N, C-alpha and C. Protein backbone atom coordinates (compact mmCIF):
# COMPACT_ATOMS: atom_id res chain seq x y z
N ILE A 1 0.86 -1.19 -0.04
CA ILE A 1 -0.01 0.12 0.24
C ILE A 1 0.85 1.28 -0.09
N TRP A 2 1.11 2.21 -1.08
CA TRP A 2 1.57 3.47 -0.97
C TRP A 2 0.46 4.28 -0.73
N GLN A 3 1.21 5.33 0.06
CA GLN A 3 0.15 6.40 0.65
C GLN A 3 1.21 7.83 0.15
N PHE A 4 0.96 8.63 -0.74
CA PHE A 4 1.71 9.60 -0.77
C PHE A 4 1.36 10.88 -0.26
N VAL A 5 0.20 11.41 0.29
CA VAL A 5 -0.07 12.51 1.18
C VAL A 5 -0.97 11.92 2.15
N ARG A 6 -0.62 12.30 3.54
CA ARG A 6 -1.11 12.03 4.73
C ARG A 6 -2.07 13.60 5.03
N SER A 7 -3.51 13.45 4.99
CA SER A 7 -4.09 14.38 5.45
C SER A 7 -5.47 13.95 5.89
N ASN A 8 -6.03 14.91 6.73
CA ASN A 8 -7.40 15.08 7.50
C ASN A 8 -8.41 14.94 6.51
N ARG A 9 -8.13 15.59 5.30
CA ARG A 9 -9.49 15.84 4.44
C ARG A 9 -9.89 14.46 3.85
N SER A 10 -11.10 14.27 3.53
CA SER A 10 -11.66 13.23 3.22
C SER A 10 -11.67 13.59 1.73
N ARG A 11 -11.43 14.27 1.01
CA ARG A 11 -11.09 14.45 -0.66
C ARG A 11 -9.55 14.88 -0.72
N GLY A 12 -9.21 14.29 -1.92
CA GLY A 12 -7.91 14.37 -2.34
C GLY A 12 -7.52 16.08 -2.76
N LEU A 13 -6.38 16.32 -2.69
CA LEU A 13 -5.71 17.58 -2.76
C LEU A 13 -5.97 18.00 -4.25
N HIS A 14 -6.43 19.26 -4.37
CA HIS A 14 -6.94 19.67 -5.59
C HIS A 14 -5.88 21.08 -6.05
N LEU A 15 -4.68 20.63 -6.25
CA LEU A 15 -3.77 21.86 -6.67
C LEU A 15 -4.03 22.52 -7.67
N GLY A 16 -4.13 22.22 -8.61
CA GLY A 16 -5.11 22.91 -9.90
C GLY A 16 -6.00 24.11 -9.47
N GLN A 17 -6.80 24.14 -8.51
CA GLN A 17 -7.78 24.86 -7.91
C GLN A 17 -6.94 25.85 -7.16
N HIS A 18 -5.72 25.85 -6.84
CA HIS A 18 -5.18 26.40 -5.77
C HIS A 18 -4.30 27.70 -6.86
N PHE A 19 -3.79 27.08 -7.84
CA PHE A 19 -2.95 27.65 -8.51
C PHE A 19 -3.45 28.15 -10.06
N ILE A 20 -4.68 27.98 -10.47
CA ILE A 20 -5.15 28.23 -11.52
C ILE A 20 -4.98 29.73 -11.86
N ASP A 21 -5.26 30.93 -10.96
CA ASP A 21 -5.03 32.10 -10.84
C ASP A 21 -3.51 32.43 -11.66
N ILE A 22 -2.66 31.47 -11.26
CA ILE A 22 -1.00 31.78 -11.51
C ILE A 22 -1.29 31.67 -13.37
N PHE A 23 -2.13 30.51 -14.01
CA PHE A 23 -2.20 30.38 -15.24
C PHE A 23 -2.96 31.25 -16.10
N LYS A 24 -3.54 32.00 -15.52
CA LYS A 24 -4.66 32.85 -16.04
C LYS A 24 -3.67 34.21 -16.50
N GLN A 25 -2.45 34.31 -15.74
CA GLN A 25 -1.84 35.63 -16.28
C GLN A 25 -1.26 35.64 -17.73
N LYS A 26 -1.10 36.40 -18.55
CA LYS A 26 -0.57 36.57 -19.98
C LYS A 26 0.92 36.26 -19.94
N GLY A 27 1.15 35.17 -20.93
CA GLY A 27 2.44 34.37 -20.95
C GLY A 27 2.56 33.06 -20.40
N LYS A 28 1.44 32.90 -19.53
CA LYS A 28 1.18 31.69 -18.91
C LYS A 28 0.70 30.61 -19.49
N LEU A 29 0.94 29.11 -19.57
CA LEU A 29 0.22 28.25 -20.38
C LEU A 29 0.41 27.10 -19.22
N LEU A 30 -0.89 26.59 -19.18
CA LEU A 30 -1.47 25.05 -18.50
C LEU A 30 -1.54 24.34 -19.70
N LEU A 31 -0.86 23.33 -19.47
CA LEU A 31 -1.06 21.99 -20.51
C LEU A 31 -1.74 20.96 -19.50
N THR A 32 -2.77 20.26 -19.47
CA THR A 32 -3.07 18.94 -18.90
C THR A 32 -3.31 18.32 -19.84
N GLU A 33 -3.71 16.72 -19.24
CA GLU A 33 -4.06 15.44 -20.02
C GLU A 33 -2.96 15.48 -21.23
N ALA A 34 -1.55 15.56 -20.92
CA ALA A 34 -0.59 15.46 -22.20
C ALA A 34 0.60 14.87 -21.15
N ASP A 35 1.79 13.83 -21.95
CA ASP A 35 2.97 13.62 -21.21
C ASP A 35 3.79 14.01 -21.75
N ALA A 36 4.92 14.16 -21.26
CA ALA A 36 6.43 14.91 -21.61
C ALA A 36 7.00 13.75 -22.18
N VAL A 37 7.40 13.34 -23.34
CA VAL A 37 7.77 12.31 -23.97
C VAL A 37 9.67 12.58 -24.41
N GLN A 38 10.01 13.94 -24.55
CA GLN A 38 11.15 14.29 -25.29
C GLN A 38 11.33 15.47 -24.73
N LEU A 39 12.75 15.40 -24.25
CA LEU A 39 13.77 17.07 -24.21
C LEU A 39 14.35 17.54 -25.32
N VAL A 40 14.28 18.63 -25.67
CA VAL A 40 15.22 18.95 -26.69
C VAL A 40 16.25 20.17 -26.25
N SER A 41 17.11 19.84 -26.45
CA SER A 41 18.46 20.44 -26.16
C SER A 41 19.45 21.11 -27.40
N ASP A 42 19.73 22.47 -26.84
CA ASP A 42 20.68 22.86 -27.92
C ASP A 42 22.38 22.72 -27.49
N GLY A 43 22.46 21.76 -26.52
CA GLY A 43 23.45 21.54 -26.33
C GLY A 43 24.22 21.97 -24.64
N LYS A 44 23.34 22.96 -24.10
CA LYS A 44 23.81 23.75 -23.25
C LYS A 44 22.67 23.52 -21.87
N ARG A 45 21.48 23.60 -22.45
CA ARG A 45 20.15 23.54 -21.63
C ARG A 45 19.35 22.98 -22.84
N VAL A 46 17.95 22.85 -21.95
CA VAL A 46 16.72 22.36 -22.66
C VAL A 46 16.21 23.55 -23.05
N THR A 47 15.59 23.30 -24.43
CA THR A 47 14.89 24.35 -25.14
C THR A 47 13.59 24.31 -25.34
N ALA A 48 13.01 23.14 -25.30
CA ALA A 48 11.57 22.69 -25.50
C ALA A 48 11.66 21.51 -24.90
N VAL A 49 10.16 21.08 -24.80
CA VAL A 49 9.93 19.69 -24.22
C VAL A 49 8.65 19.55 -25.00
N ILE A 50 8.72 17.97 -25.67
CA ILE A 50 7.79 17.56 -26.52
C ILE A 50 6.79 16.67 -26.07
N CYS A 51 5.63 16.92 -25.91
CA CYS A 51 4.30 16.76 -25.15
C CYS A 51 3.28 15.64 -26.24
N ARG A 52 2.93 14.74 -25.44
CA ARG A 52 1.70 14.03 -26.26
C ARG A 52 0.68 13.92 -25.55
N ASP A 53 -0.49 14.44 -26.25
CA ASP A 53 -1.90 14.72 -25.90
C ASP A 53 -2.76 13.22 -26.00
N ARG A 54 -3.63 12.86 -25.09
CA ARG A 54 -4.53 11.69 -25.31
C ARG A 54 -4.77 11.40 -26.66
N SER A 55 -4.74 12.10 -27.48
CA SER A 55 -5.04 11.68 -29.36
C SER A 55 -4.01 11.27 -29.69
N GLY A 56 -2.84 11.61 -29.28
CA GLY A 56 -1.58 11.04 -29.99
C GLY A 56 -0.99 12.33 -30.56
N ARG A 57 -1.29 13.29 -30.68
CA ARG A 57 -0.81 14.45 -31.00
C ARG A 57 0.32 14.85 -30.26
N ASP A 58 1.42 15.47 -31.04
CA ASP A 58 2.46 16.04 -30.34
C ASP A 58 2.28 17.43 -30.28
N ILE A 59 2.85 18.03 -29.30
CA ILE A 59 2.91 19.35 -28.87
C ILE A 59 4.37 19.87 -28.58
N THR A 60 5.00 20.63 -29.12
CA THR A 60 6.06 21.51 -28.69
C THR A 60 5.87 22.60 -27.75
N VAL A 61 6.32 22.46 -26.58
CA VAL A 61 6.38 23.63 -25.70
C VAL A 61 7.96 24.20 -25.52
N ARG A 62 8.13 25.41 -25.77
CA ARG A 62 9.34 26.06 -25.56
C ARG A 62 9.41 27.30 -24.62
N ALA A 63 10.27 27.63 -23.91
CA ALA A 63 10.35 28.15 -22.83
C ALA A 63 11.78 28.31 -22.51
N ASN A 64 12.11 29.36 -21.76
CA ASN A 64 13.49 29.93 -20.96
C ASN A 64 13.93 28.88 -19.84
N GLU A 65 12.86 28.36 -19.20
CA GLU A 65 13.03 27.71 -17.99
C GLU A 65 11.80 26.46 -17.90
N PHE A 66 12.46 25.28 -17.46
CA PHE A 66 11.29 24.17 -17.35
C PHE A 66 11.85 23.62 -15.65
N VAL A 67 10.51 22.89 -15.40
CA VAL A 67 10.79 22.58 -14.02
C VAL A 67 10.48 21.18 -13.98
N LEU A 68 11.34 20.42 -13.78
CA LEU A 68 10.79 18.51 -13.97
C LEU A 68 10.34 18.59 -12.46
N ALA A 69 9.14 18.61 -12.09
CA ALA A 69 8.18 18.17 -10.99
C ALA A 69 7.39 16.89 -11.08
N CYS A 70 7.66 15.84 -11.88
CA CYS A 70 6.78 14.90 -12.03
C CYS A 70 6.96 13.52 -10.87
N GLY A 71 7.65 13.73 -9.95
CA GLY A 71 7.93 12.55 -9.16
C GLY A 71 9.09 11.56 -9.56
N CYS A 72 10.02 11.07 -8.75
CA CYS A 72 11.32 10.50 -8.57
C CYS A 72 11.11 9.56 -9.69
N VAL A 73 10.40 8.56 -9.69
CA VAL A 73 10.33 7.55 -10.76
C VAL A 73 9.77 7.95 -12.22
N GLU A 74 9.05 8.88 -12.48
CA GLU A 74 8.86 9.71 -13.75
C GLU A 74 9.87 10.38 -14.17
N ALA A 75 10.24 11.43 -13.41
CA ALA A 75 11.59 12.50 -13.65
C ALA A 75 12.78 11.05 -14.17
N SER A 76 12.87 10.22 -13.64
CA SER A 76 13.72 9.26 -13.98
C SER A 76 13.87 8.97 -15.18
N ARG A 77 12.63 8.30 -15.46
CA ARG A 77 12.43 7.87 -16.69
C ARG A 77 12.59 8.71 -18.08
N LEU A 78 12.18 9.91 -17.58
CA LEU A 78 12.37 11.19 -18.72
C LEU A 78 13.53 11.09 -18.91
N LEU A 79 14.43 11.34 -18.09
CA LEU A 79 15.82 11.72 -18.09
C LEU A 79 16.31 10.51 -18.56
N LEU A 80 16.15 9.66 -18.34
CA LEU A 80 17.02 8.50 -19.04
C LEU A 80 16.36 8.03 -20.59
N LEU A 81 15.21 8.46 -20.85
CA LEU A 81 14.86 8.55 -21.88
C LEU A 81 15.37 9.28 -23.00
N ASN A 82 16.05 10.57 -22.57
CA ASN A 82 16.83 11.31 -23.46
C ASN A 82 17.91 11.28 -23.42
N GLN A 83 18.51 10.30 -22.39
CA GLN A 83 20.01 10.43 -22.19
C GLN A 83 20.44 10.13 -23.21
N SER A 84 20.38 9.81 -24.32
CA SER A 84 21.28 9.84 -25.55
C SER A 84 21.46 11.42 -26.63
N SER A 85 20.33 11.60 -26.31
CA SER A 85 20.01 12.96 -26.85
C SER A 85 20.29 14.45 -26.29
N CYS A 86 20.37 14.06 -24.97
CA CYS A 86 20.64 15.21 -23.90
C CYS A 86 21.81 14.83 -23.14
N ALA A 87 23.03 13.96 -23.20
CA ALA A 87 23.88 13.67 -22.22
C ALA A 87 24.56 14.67 -21.92
N GLU A 88 24.42 15.59 -22.49
CA GLU A 88 25.52 16.91 -21.98
C GLU A 88 24.46 17.75 -20.93
N LEU A 89 23.57 17.15 -20.88
CA LEU A 89 22.69 17.57 -19.32
C LEU A 89 22.93 17.09 -17.98
N LEU A 90 23.28 15.85 -18.37
CA LEU A 90 22.84 15.15 -17.48
C LEU A 90 24.53 14.81 -16.89
N ALA A 91 24.62 15.32 -15.25
CA ALA A 91 25.93 15.43 -14.84
C ALA A 91 26.42 13.93 -14.60
N PRO A 92 27.86 13.43 -14.45
CA PRO A 92 28.46 12.31 -14.43
C PRO A 92 28.11 12.19 -12.77
N VAL A 93 28.02 11.17 -12.32
CA VAL A 93 27.78 10.75 -10.88
C VAL A 93 29.30 11.12 -9.98
N GLU A 94 30.23 11.19 -10.88
CA GLU A 94 31.49 11.73 -9.97
C GLU A 94 31.46 13.30 -9.77
N GLN A 95 30.88 13.92 -10.63
CA GLN A 95 30.51 15.12 -10.19
C GLN A 95 29.77 15.70 -9.03
N TRP A 96 29.20 14.75 -8.59
CA TRP A 96 28.07 14.99 -7.39
C TRP A 96 29.00 15.33 -6.25
């Protein structure tokens, strides 16, 4: 049994309701029901993330900054999946 959030609330946490106003600001985008499938690099940084929606359509999201906040297993999967195309972005273990 996995329990990620301990709460006295009877319902789950709906973080989207708390942060929706941030994404209503000009220049902000909230993409839902899509998976990140590929990182695009210029050799120094991630310049875009390719996402796939439920219909199978690919959407390219370009930004100056990205936050990889999808949980340990999913973050590891995404980084390992892109290891060959973005190897320069992943620090070798001896540098840690």
